[in-house]
């Protein structure tokens, strides 16, 4: 019951819950087919296809990677590599929608290369510091985390004004915040983060009654 009544902040006038929409977006990020997504979300295939096209249009309109159709049509292949990548996977797509699939490819590549996860942990919290030390030990074998100590000086200063320094396991302040930037997260999760944040800023708009 809670799943059906949960407010959807990322799709206006929609019957679908935010929980189910989140699941659909993750399926899109994983590059699942409409049929596979319909099974996973218990939505109809036409609804899934409609949502997938909405997401592509959102990426085209507001995504971090953009293309200007007036300036790219007719340009040589070396200037439009994504066109030839998407055509390998989406043969048969109508020409009027081809640019949406191309921009999807570009944004997938962007997410893989640029998106990371940021976690804030408290130095005074024992369980938090266990997680920090786990990251420190992991870095000794496979550098994956960038750890920054955010000092709590001067007292009451906003976070963006506080002094930052590389985290040192043997020399840190117990009232500080440890920022952990995790790089090389899974490509599908990175792409999901891009889409989900865009949907927060630009909720999908549906006609009344659209599922």
Protein backbone atom coordinates (compact mmCIF):
# COMPACT_ATOMS: atom_id res chain seq x y z
CA UNK A 1 0.00 0.00 0.00
CA UNK A 2 2.82 2.43 0.88
CA UNK A 3 4.40 1.83 -2.54
CA UNK A 4 1.22 3.03 -4.29
CA UNK A 5 0.68 6.16 -2.20
CA UNK A 6 4.27 7.40 -2.04
CA UNK A 7 4.60 10.87 -3.54
CA UNK A 8 6.49 10.92 -6.83
CA UNK A 9 8.77 13.95 -6.91
CA UNK A 10 10.31 13.06 -10.27
CA UNK A 11 7.25 12.60 -12.47
CA UNK A 12 4.31 14.98 -12.28
CA UNK A 13 0.70 13.84 -12.73
CA UNK A 14 1.86 10.21 -12.81
CA UNK A 15 0.20 7.20 -11.19
CA UNK A 16 3.51 5.36 -10.96
CA UNK A 17 5.21 5.66 -7.57
CA UNK A 18 8.71 7.04 -7.12
CA UNK A 19 9.81 3.63 -5.87
CA UNK A 20 8.75 1.92 -9.09
CA UNK A 21 10.06 4.76 -11.25
CA UNK A 22 13.44 4.45 -9.54
CA UNK A 23 13.46 0.74 -10.39
CA UNK A 24 12.61 1.54 -14.01
CA UNK A 25 15.42 4.12 -14.26
CA UNK A 26 17.89 1.60 -12.89
CA UNK A 27 16.77 -0.90 -15.55
CA UNK A 28 17.35 1.79 -18.18
CA UNK A 29 20.79 2.50 -16.74
CA UNK A 30 21.59 -1.21 -16.95
CA UNK A 31 20.53 -1.12 -20.62
CA UNK A 32 17.79 -3.72 -20.14
CA UNK A 33 15.18 -4.13 -22.84
CA UNK A 34 11.63 -2.83 -22.50
CA UNK A 35 10.41 -6.41 -22.05
CA UNK A 36 12.94 -7.19 -19.32
CA UNK A 37 12.10 -3.91 -17.57
CA UNK A 38 8.36 -4.60 -17.79
CA UNK A 39 8.89 -7.90 -16.00
CA UNK A 40 11.11 -6.32 -13.33
CA UNK A 41 8.78 -3.38 -12.63
CA UNK A 42 5.40 -5.01 -13.37
CA UNK A 43 4.62 -2.21 -15.82
CA UNK A 44 3.35 -2.68 -19.36
CA UNK A 45 5.85 -2.65 -22.23
CA UNK A 46 4.21 0.41 -23.85
CA UNK A 47 4.57 2.30 -20.56
CA UNK A 48 8.20 1.27 -20.26
CA UNK A 49 8.96 2.35 -23.83
CA UNK A 50 7.24 5.68 -23.17
CA UNK A 51 9.33 6.22 -20.04
CA UNK A 52 12.55 5.23 -21.77
CA UNK A 53 11.93 7.81 -24.49
CA UNK A 54 11.15 10.42 -21.83
CA UNK A 55 14.50 9.71 -20.19
CA UNK A 56 16.33 10.02 -23.51
CA UNK A 57 14.56 13.32 -24.19
CA UNK A 58 15.54 14.52 -20.70
CA UNK A 59 19.18 13.68 -21.41
CA UNK A 60 18.97 15.48 -24.75
CA UNK A 61 17.45 18.60 -23.18
CA UNK A 62 19.38 18.80 -19.90
CA UNK A 63 22.08 16.09 -19.76
CA UNK A 64 25.76 16.89 -19.10
CA UNK A 65 26.61 15.90 -22.70
CA UNK A 66 24.67 17.80 -25.35
CA UNK A 67 24.60 17.98 -29.13
CA UNK A 68 23.31 20.70 -31.44
CA UNK A 69 21.57 18.94 -34.31
CA UNK A 70 21.86 22.01 -36.54
CA UNK A 71 25.65 21.81 -36.30
CA UNK A 72 26.29 18.06 -36.43
CA UNK A 73 24.24 16.71 -39.32
CA UNK A 74 26.49 15.97 -42.26
CA UNK A 75 29.73 16.22 -40.29
CA UNK A 76 32.38 13.53 -40.99
CA UNK A 77 32.41 10.32 -38.90
CA UNK A 78 35.46 11.37 -36.87
CA UNK A 79 33.44 14.28 -35.48
CA UNK A 80 30.47 12.11 -34.45
CA UNK A 81 31.86 8.86 -32.99
CA UNK A 82 28.77 8.28 -30.83
CA UNK A 83 26.60 8.07 -33.95
CA UNK A 84 28.45 4.96 -35.03
CA UNK A 85 28.44 3.46 -31.55
CA UNK A 86 24.69 3.75 -31.07
CA UNK A 87 23.93 2.51 -34.59
CA UNK A 88 25.62 -0.77 -33.74
CA UNK A 89 23.17 -1.33 -30.88
CA UNK A 90 20.02 0.39 -32.10
CA UNK A 91 19.68 -0.57 -35.74
CA UNK A 92 16.18 -0.01 -36.99
CA UNK A 93 15.51 3.09 -34.88
CA UNK A 94 13.47 5.70 -36.73
CA UNK A 95 15.62 8.55 -37.97
CA UNK A 96 13.48 11.08 -36.11
CA UNK A 97 14.56 9.50 -32.80
CA UNK A 98 18.16 8.67 -33.72
CA UNK A 99 19.58 11.75 -31.96
CA UNK A 100 18.01 10.63 -28.67
CA UNK A 101 19.84 7.30 -28.81
CA UNK A 102 23.07 9.05 -29.74
CA UNK A 103 22.83 11.40 -26.76
CA UNK A 104 22.15 8.41 -24.52
CA UNK A 105 25.45 6.88 -25.61
CA UNK A 106 27.33 10.13 -24.98
CA UNK A 107 25.90 10.48 -21.48
CA UNK A 108 26.63 6.85 -20.63
CA UNK A 109 30.27 7.48 -21.52
CA UNK A 110 30.31 10.73 -19.52
CA UNK A 111 28.88 9.03 -16.42
CA UNK A 112 31.41 6.20 -16.58
CA UNK A 113 34.33 8.64 -16.70
CA UNK A 114 33.15 11.45 -14.42
CA UNK A 115 30.66 10.33 -11.78
CA UNK A 116 31.83 9.33 -8.32
CA UNK A 117 30.25 8.65 -4.95
CA UNK A 118 30.86 11.04 -2.04
CA UNK A 119 30.33 9.86 1.56
CA UNK A 120 30.59 12.03 4.69
CA UNK A 121 31.63 10.25 7.89
CA UNK A 122 32.07 11.61 11.43
CA UNK A 123 35.47 11.17 13.07
CA UNK A 124 33.81 10.89 16.50
CA UNK A 125 31.66 7.96 15.41
CA UNK A 126 33.39 4.62 16.00
CA UNK A 127 31.48 2.73 13.31
CA UNK A 128 32.15 5.54 10.82
CA UNK A 129 35.87 5.40 11.52
CA UNK A 130 35.89 1.64 10.95
CA UNK A 131 34.56 2.36 7.45
CA UNK A 132 37.21 5.08 6.94
CA UNK A 133 39.99 2.70 7.97
CA UNK A 134 38.59 0.00 5.69
CA UNK A 135 38.98 2.43 2.78
CA UNK A 136 42.52 3.28 3.90
CA UNK A 137 43.48 -0.40 3.91
CA UNK A 138 41.83 -1.00 0.55
CA UNK A 139 43.80 1.89 -0.98
CA UNK A 140 47.05 0.13 -0.12
CA UNK A 141 46.19 -2.59 -2.64
CA UNK A 142 43.95 -0.81 -5.16
CA UNK A 143 43.75 3.00 -5.03
CA UNK A 144 40.04 3.70 -5.20
CA UNK A 145 39.22 6.32 -2.55
CA UNK A 146 40.25 9.92 -2.03
CA UNK A 147 39.97 10.72 1.68
CA UNK A 148 39.78 14.32 2.83
CA UNK A 149 39.50 15.62 6.41
CA UNK A 150 37.13 18.55 6.85
CA UNK A 151 38.24 20.37 9.99
CA UNK A 152 35.69 21.80 12.39
CA UNK A 153 37.52 25.15 12.66
CA UNK A 154 36.50 27.89 13.01
CA UNK A 155 33.55 26.61 15.01
CA UNK A 156 30.23 27.09 13.26
CA UNK A 157 31.73 27.93 9.87
CA UNK A 158 29.86 26.50 6.86
CA UNK A 159 31.39 23.38 5.32
CA UNK A 160 32.59 25.19 2.20
CA UNK A 161 34.61 27.58 4.41
CA UNK A 162 36.28 24.97 6.58
CA UNK A 163 39.87 23.93 6.13
CA UNK A 164 40.47 20.70 4.22
CA UNK A 165 43.50 18.45 4.26
CA UNK A 166 44.35 14.89 3.19
CA UNK A 167 43.22 12.39 5.80
CA UNK A 168 46.05 10.93 7.89
CA UNK A 169 45.09 7.80 9.90
CA UNK A 170 47.52 8.66 12.71
CA UNK A 171 46.85 12.40 12.84
CA UNK A 172 43.25 13.56 12.58
CA UNK A 173 40.87 15.67 14.69
CA UNK A 174 38.11 13.75 16.47
CA UNK A 175 35.57 16.51 15.77
CA UNK A 176 36.17 16.59 12.02
CA UNK A 177 34.25 15.15 9.07
CA UNK A 178 35.93 12.68 6.73
CA UNK A 179 34.95 13.02 3.06
CA UNK A 180 35.38 9.85 1.01
CA UNK A 181 35.28 10.21 -2.76
CA UNK A 182 34.87 6.82 -4.38
CA UNK A 183 35.94 6.61 -7.99
CA UNK A 184 35.32 3.93 -10.61
CA UNK A 185 31.83 3.00 -9.40
CA UNK A 186 29.83 0.63 -11.59
CA UNK A 187 28.96 2.29 -14.93
CA UNK A 188 25.24 1.52 -14.63
CA UNK A 189 25.10 3.03 -11.14
CA UNK A 190 26.98 6.11 -12.34
CA UNK A 191 24.55 6.56 -15.24
CA UNK A 192 21.61 6.07 -12.87
CA UNK A 193 22.93 8.88 -10.66
CA UNK A 194 23.09 11.25 -13.63
CA UNK A 195 19.51 10.50 -14.67
CA UNK A 196 18.04 10.51 -11.16
CA UNK A 197 19.58 13.90 -10.37
CA UNK A 198 18.28 15.34 -13.64
CA UNK A 199 14.80 14.07 -12.80
CA UNK A 200 14.99 15.83 -9.44
CA UNK A 201 15.70 19.14 -11.18
CA UNK A 202 13.45 18.52 -14.18
CA UNK A 203 10.60 16.13 -13.22
CA UNK A 204 9.06 14.21 -16.09
CA UNK A 205 5.79 15.72 -17.23
CA UNK A 206 2.89 13.47 -18.15
CA UNK A 207 -0.64 14.04 -19.29
CA UNK A 208 -3.25 13.26 -16.68
CA UNK A 209 -3.92 9.59 -16.59
CA UNK A 210 -0.54 8.50 -17.96
CA UNK A 211 0.79 5.60 -15.90
